[in-house]
Amino acid sequence: MHVTKYNASGNDFVIFHTFKEFDASTLARKLCHRQEGVGADGLIVLLPNSVCDFKWQFYNSDGSEASMCGNGTRACAHYAYHNGLAKEKMTFLTGAGVISSTVDGNMVETQLTQPQILSDIFEEMGFVWHFVDTGVPHLVTFADTADVFDKDIARQMRYKYNTNVNFAYIKDEDLHVRTYERGVEDETLACGTGMAASFYCAFLQGLVASTVRVYPKSQEELYLKMDEGNLYFKGEVHRVFETDIELSYF
């Protein structure tokens, strides 16, 4: 079996394409294992689709399926282009809907799904929370510094609301975001939909302009913008390696 390892702003993924759809949850857990597998935050399987260039199945490292992953969309778009599955401008079907991506070298821009506000702003555990869906649900709170990130609080909020949890802060007009990811069950180096959710909430509150630089924990520079009501996410991705694996091992 041939697989490719990708890194998108600190989020890493194992990607392959196939013509037959199957439940890859067990395979995802094994491939994503950091010691016994390839090691990744998620597994992306690309499949044929009659309407779009392709569709995907996305699995978190614990084997659970997710509707969307912002960094994953950019990684799989780069993979699809370089494997002849799509042209530079493409569409593909996710659990959250149709995604559009454009590949320009290692830079990939994705038009994300339309954000949805899930509740009114509320206060809990000493923080003010915004609850939105940018393909998957996210809680967002704004802090003064990145040091405010509290993994224990993030974990409690994650399980209470079955969501991802983001601590964001704004410095010199740039947005900084740290995310506790559902399905990984820990803080990750980056989360695309988490950065998008934080940007969307900040934009609605008038805290940032319609285009911003955003930095996750990995400190890679990415870009988010609102344009005519659409949300765009842009940044570099890197193909780390390709390899053949023995399925009998897994």
Protein backbone atom coordinates (compact mmCIF):
# COMPACT_ATOMS: atom_id res chain seq x y z
CA MET A 1 0.00 0.00 0.00
CA HIS A 2 1.40 3.39 -1.01
CA VAL A 3 0.85 6.35 1.34
CA THR A 4 2.11 9.93 1.55
CA LYS A 5 2.88 11.92 4.70
CA TYR A 6 1.98 15.63 4.62
CA ASN A 7 2.57 18.54 6.97
CA ALA A 8 0.31 21.59 6.89
CA SER A 9 1.34 24.22 9.42
CA GLY A 10 2.13 21.62 12.05
CA ASN A 11 -0.89 19.41 11.39
CA ASP A 12 0.33 16.17 9.84
CA PHE A 13 -1.64 13.68 7.77
CA VAL A 14 -1.30 10.33 6.05
CA ILE A 15 -2.98 10.43 2.62
CA PHE A 16 -3.78 7.85 -0.04
CA HIS A 17 -6.35 7.40 -2.81
CA THR A 18 -8.36 4.36 -3.75
CA PHE A 19 -11.32 3.39 -5.94
CA LYS A 20 -13.12 1.38 -3.26
CA GLU A 21 -14.79 2.99 -0.25
CA PHE A 22 -14.38 1.18 3.07
CA ASP A 23 -14.36 1.87 6.79
CA ALA A 24 -10.79 2.92 7.49
CA SER A 25 -11.23 3.79 11.18
CA THR A 26 -9.06 0.91 12.42
CA LEU A 27 -6.46 1.61 9.75
CA ALA A 28 -6.46 5.28 10.78
CA ARG A 29 -5.70 4.43 14.41
CA LYS A 30 -2.82 2.20 13.39
CA LEU A 31 -1.32 4.42 10.68
CA CYS A 32 -1.55 7.54 12.86
CA HIS A 33 0.09 5.91 15.88
CA ARG A 34 3.27 7.86 16.64
CA GLN A 35 5.32 4.87 17.74
CA GLU A 36 3.88 1.88 15.85
CA GLY A 37 2.64 3.52 12.63
CA VAL A 38 3.54 6.37 10.30
CA GLY A 39 2.42 8.94 12.88
CA ALA A 40 -0.10 11.68 12.12
CA ASP A 41 -2.98 13.78 13.44
CA GLY A 42 -5.30 12.27 10.83
CA LEU A 43 -5.83 9.99 7.84
CA ILE A 44 -7.29 11.28 4.56
CA VAL A 45 -8.65 8.85 1.96
CA LEU A 46 -9.47 10.24 -1.49
CA LEU A 47 -12.22 8.57 -3.53
CA PRO A 48 -13.85 9.13 -6.95
CA ASN A 49 -16.92 11.37 -7.15
CA SER A 50 -19.30 11.98 -10.04
CA VAL A 51 -19.90 15.67 -9.28
CA CYS A 52 -16.61 16.97 -7.84
CA ASP A 53 -13.01 16.09 -8.69
CA PHE A 54 -13.05 13.65 -5.77
CA LYS A 55 -14.44 13.16 -2.29
CA TRP A 56 -12.66 12.45 0.94
CA GLN A 57 -13.00 10.40 4.08
CA PHE A 58 -11.29 12.10 7.01
CA TYR A 59 -10.33 10.24 10.19
CA ASN A 60 -8.82 11.64 13.38
CA SER A 61 -5.93 9.78 14.93
CA ASP A 62 -8.34 7.99 17.32
CA GLY A 63 -10.24 6.55 14.34
CA SER A 64 -13.25 8.83 14.63
CA GLU A 65 -14.52 10.48 11.45
CA ALA A 66 -14.63 14.28 11.07
CA SER A 67 -16.66 16.32 8.61
CA MET A 68 -13.94 18.88 8.01
CA CYS A 69 -10.31 19.79 8.66
CA GLY A 70 -9.01 23.10 7.33
CA ASN A 71 -5.36 22.12 7.15
CA GLY A 72 -6.39 18.74 5.78
CA THR A 73 -8.18 20.39 2.84
CA ARG A 74 -4.98 22.15 1.84
CA ALA A 75 -2.85 19.02 2.19
CA CYS A 76 -5.22 16.81 0.22
CA ALA A 77 -5.60 19.43 -2.53
CA HIS A 78 -1.82 19.48 -2.99
CA TYR A 79 -1.78 15.68 -3.00
CA ALA A 80 -4.62 15.47 -5.53
CA TYR A 81 -2.93 17.90 -7.92
CA HIS A 82 0.46 16.21 -7.76
CA ASN A 83 -1.09 12.77 -8.24
CA GLY A 84 -3.08 13.79 -11.30
CA LEU A 85 -6.46 13.56 -9.57
CA ALA A 86 -7.35 17.23 -10.16
CA LYS A 87 -6.13 20.44 -11.80
CA GLU A 88 -4.78 23.45 -9.87
CA LYS A 89 -8.33 24.66 -9.19
CA MET A 90 -10.51 21.90 -7.82
CA THR A 91 -13.61 21.01 -5.86
CA PHE A 92 -14.06 18.05 -3.55
CA LEU A 93 -16.79 16.70 -1.33
CA THR A 94 -16.38 16.55 2.45
CA GLY A 95 -18.80 15.72 5.22
CA ALA A 96 -19.35 19.46 5.66
CA GLY A 97 -20.09 20.08 1.97
CA VAL A 98 -18.21 20.99 -1.20
CA ILE A 99 -14.79 22.61 -0.75
CA SER A 100 -12.90 24.64 -3.38
CA SER A 101 -9.10 24.79 -3.35
CA THR A 102 -6.40 26.35 -5.52
CA VAL A 103 -2.82 25.04 -5.63
CA ASP A 104 0.06 27.41 -6.43
CA GLY A 105 3.36 25.65 -5.77
CA ASN A 106 3.39 24.79 -2.08
CA MET A 107 0.83 27.49 -1.35
CA VAL A 108 -2.78 26.30 -1.19
CA GLU A 109 -5.90 28.41 -0.65
CA THR A 110 -9.19 26.83 0.36
CA GLN A 111 -12.66 28.36 0.39
CA LEU A 112 -14.14 26.92 3.56
CA THR A 113 -17.78 26.15 4.22
CA GLN A 114 -20.06 28.94 5.45
CA PRO A 115 -19.59 29.48 9.21
CA GLN A 116 -22.59 28.91 11.46
CA ILE A 117 -23.13 30.47 14.90
CA LEU A 118 -24.21 27.69 17.26
CA SER A 119 -25.19 29.72 20.33
CA ASP A 120 -25.16 33.12 21.95
CA ILE A 121 -21.95 34.25 23.60
CA PHE A 122 -21.74 32.85 27.13
CA GLU A 123 -19.46 32.89 30.16
CA GLU A 124 -18.12 29.77 31.86
CA MET A 125 -15.05 28.78 33.89
CA GLY A 126 -13.86 32.39 33.95
CA PHE A 127 -13.85 32.87 30.17
CA VAL A 128 -16.24 34.36 27.61
CA TRP A 129 -17.01 31.82 24.88
CA HIS A 130 -18.15 32.04 21.27
CA PHE A 131 -19.58 28.84 19.76
CA VAL A 132 -19.39 28.46 15.97
CA ASP A 133 -19.16 25.77 13.30
CA THR A 134 -16.58 26.15 10.52
CA GLY A 135 -17.12 22.64 9.21
CA VAL A 136 -16.78 21.20 12.71
CA PRO A 137 -17.82 22.87 16.00
CA HIS A 138 -15.44 25.18 17.87
CA LEU A 139 -15.51 27.08 21.12
CA VAL A 140 -13.42 30.27 20.98
CA THR A 141 -12.30 32.55 23.80
CA PHE A 142 -10.08 35.64 23.50
CA ALA A 143 -7.22 36.12 25.93
CA ASP A 144 -4.46 38.67 26.50
CA THR A 145 -1.55 36.32 25.76
CA ALA A 146 -0.91 32.79 24.53
CA ASP A 147 0.13 31.82 28.05
CA VAL A 148 -3.53 31.88 29.09
CA PHE A 149 -4.11 28.58 27.28
CA ASP A 150 -5.32 26.08 29.88
CA LYS A 151 -5.37 22.46 28.73
CA ASP A 152 -7.45 21.27 31.69
CA ILE A 153 -10.18 23.84 31.02
CA ALA A 154 -10.01 23.11 27.30
CA ARG A 155 -10.44 19.37 27.94
CA GLN A 156 -13.43 19.94 30.24
CA MET A 157 -15.13 22.24 27.74
CA ARG A 158 -14.36 19.82 24.89
CA TYR A 159 -16.19 16.95 26.60
CA LYS A 160 -19.05 19.02 27.97
CA TYR A 161 -19.88 20.53 24.56
CA ASN A 162 -18.40 17.80 22.31
CA THR A 163 -16.33 20.37 20.46
CA ASN A 164 -12.86 21.69 19.71
CA VAL A 165 -11.61 24.48 21.99
CA ASN A 166 -9.56 27.54 21.01
CA PHE A 167 -7.72 30.21 22.98
CA ALA A 168 -7.01 33.20 20.72
CA TYR A 169 -5.33 36.54 21.17
CA ILE A 170 -4.58 39.52 18.94
CA LYS A 171 -1.19 41.19 18.79
CA ASP A 172 -0.21 43.97 16.35
CA GLU A 173 -3.31 43.17 14.24
CA ASP A 174 -2.20 39.53 13.86
CA LEU A 175 -4.23 36.64 15.22
CA HIS A 176 -2.64 33.91 17.35
CA VAL A 177 -4.54 30.71 18.11
CA ARG A 178 -3.95 27.62 20.24
CA THR A 179 -6.35 24.70 19.84
CA TYR A 180 -7.33 21.60 21.79
CA GLU A 181 -8.58 19.20 19.11
CA ARG A 182 -11.39 16.72 19.49
CA GLY A 183 -10.33 13.33 18.14
CA VAL A 184 -6.66 14.01 18.83
CA GLU A 185 -7.53 14.78 22.48
CA ASP A 186 -4.66 17.17 22.98
CA GLU A 187 -3.35 20.51 21.85
CA THR A 188 -2.09 20.33 18.26
CA LEU A 189 0.46 22.51 16.52
CA ALA A 190 -2.27 23.92 14.27
CA CYS A 191 -5.97 23.56 13.50
CA GLY A 192 -7.30 25.17 10.33
CA THR A 193 -10.98 25.22 11.25
CA GLY A 194 -10.02 26.44 14.73
CA MET A 195 -8.08 29.37 13.28
CA ALA A 196 -10.98 30.04 10.92
CA ALA A 197 -13.48 29.99 13.81
CA SER A 198 -11.30 32.35 15.87
CA PHE A 199 -10.91 34.71 12.92
CA TYR A 200 -14.64 34.66 12.16
CA CYS A 201 -15.56 35.50 15.76
CA ALA A 202 -12.94 38.26 15.93
CA PHE A 203 -14.16 39.68 12.61
CA LEU A 204 -17.78 39.74 13.80
CA GLN A 205 -16.67 41.55 16.96
CA GLY A 206 -14.72 44.14 14.94
CA LEU A 207 -11.43 43.06 16.48
CA VAL A 208 -9.64 42.32 13.17
CA ALA A 209 -9.76 43.42 9.55
CA SER A 210 -11.27 41.32 6.75
CA THR A 211 -7.81 39.90 5.97
CA VAL A 212 -5.37 38.83 8.69
CA ARG A 213 -2.20 36.91 9.28
CA VAL A 214 -2.75 34.08 11.70
CA TYR A 215 -0.22 32.06 13.69
CA PRO A 216 -0.97 28.70 15.33
CA LYS A 217 1.24 27.10 17.96
CA SER A 218 3.67 26.01 15.21
CA GLN A 219 4.21 29.75 14.47
CA GLU A 220 3.86 29.21 10.72
CA GLU A 221 2.32 32.20 8.96
CA LEU A 222 -1.11 31.64 7.41
CA TYR A 223 -3.79 33.92 6.02
CA LEU A 224 -7.54 34.15 6.56
CA LYS A 225 -9.96 36.50 4.86
CA MET A 226 -13.63 37.28 4.44
CA ASP A 227 -14.54 38.21 0.87
CA GLU A 228 -18.18 38.82 -0.09
CA GLY A 229 -19.31 36.64 2.79
CA ASN A 230 -16.99 33.75 1.94
CA LEU A 231 -14.22 32.51 4.22
CA TYR A 232 -10.79 31.73 2.72
CA PHE A 233 -7.80 30.00 4.31
CA LYS A 234 -4.31 30.11 2.76
CA GLY A 235 -0.88 28.77 3.62
CA GLU A 236 1.96 26.46 2.66
CA VAL A 237 1.87 22.67 2.79
CA HIS A 238 4.76 20.25 2.53
CA ARG A 239 4.95 16.68 1.29
CA VAL A 240 7.19 15.03 3.89
CA PHE A 241 7.69 11.60 2.31
CA GLU A 242 6.07 8.76 0.39
CA THR A 243 6.41 5.10 1.33
CA ASP A 244 5.03 1.63 0.77
CA ILE A 245 3.68 -0.16 3.83
CA GLU A 246 2.85 -3.80 4.46
CA LEU A 247 -0.84 -4.11 5.30
CA SER A 248 -0.14 -7.40 7.05
CA TYR A 249 1.72 -5.42 9.71
CA PHE A 250 -1.39 -3.37 10.44
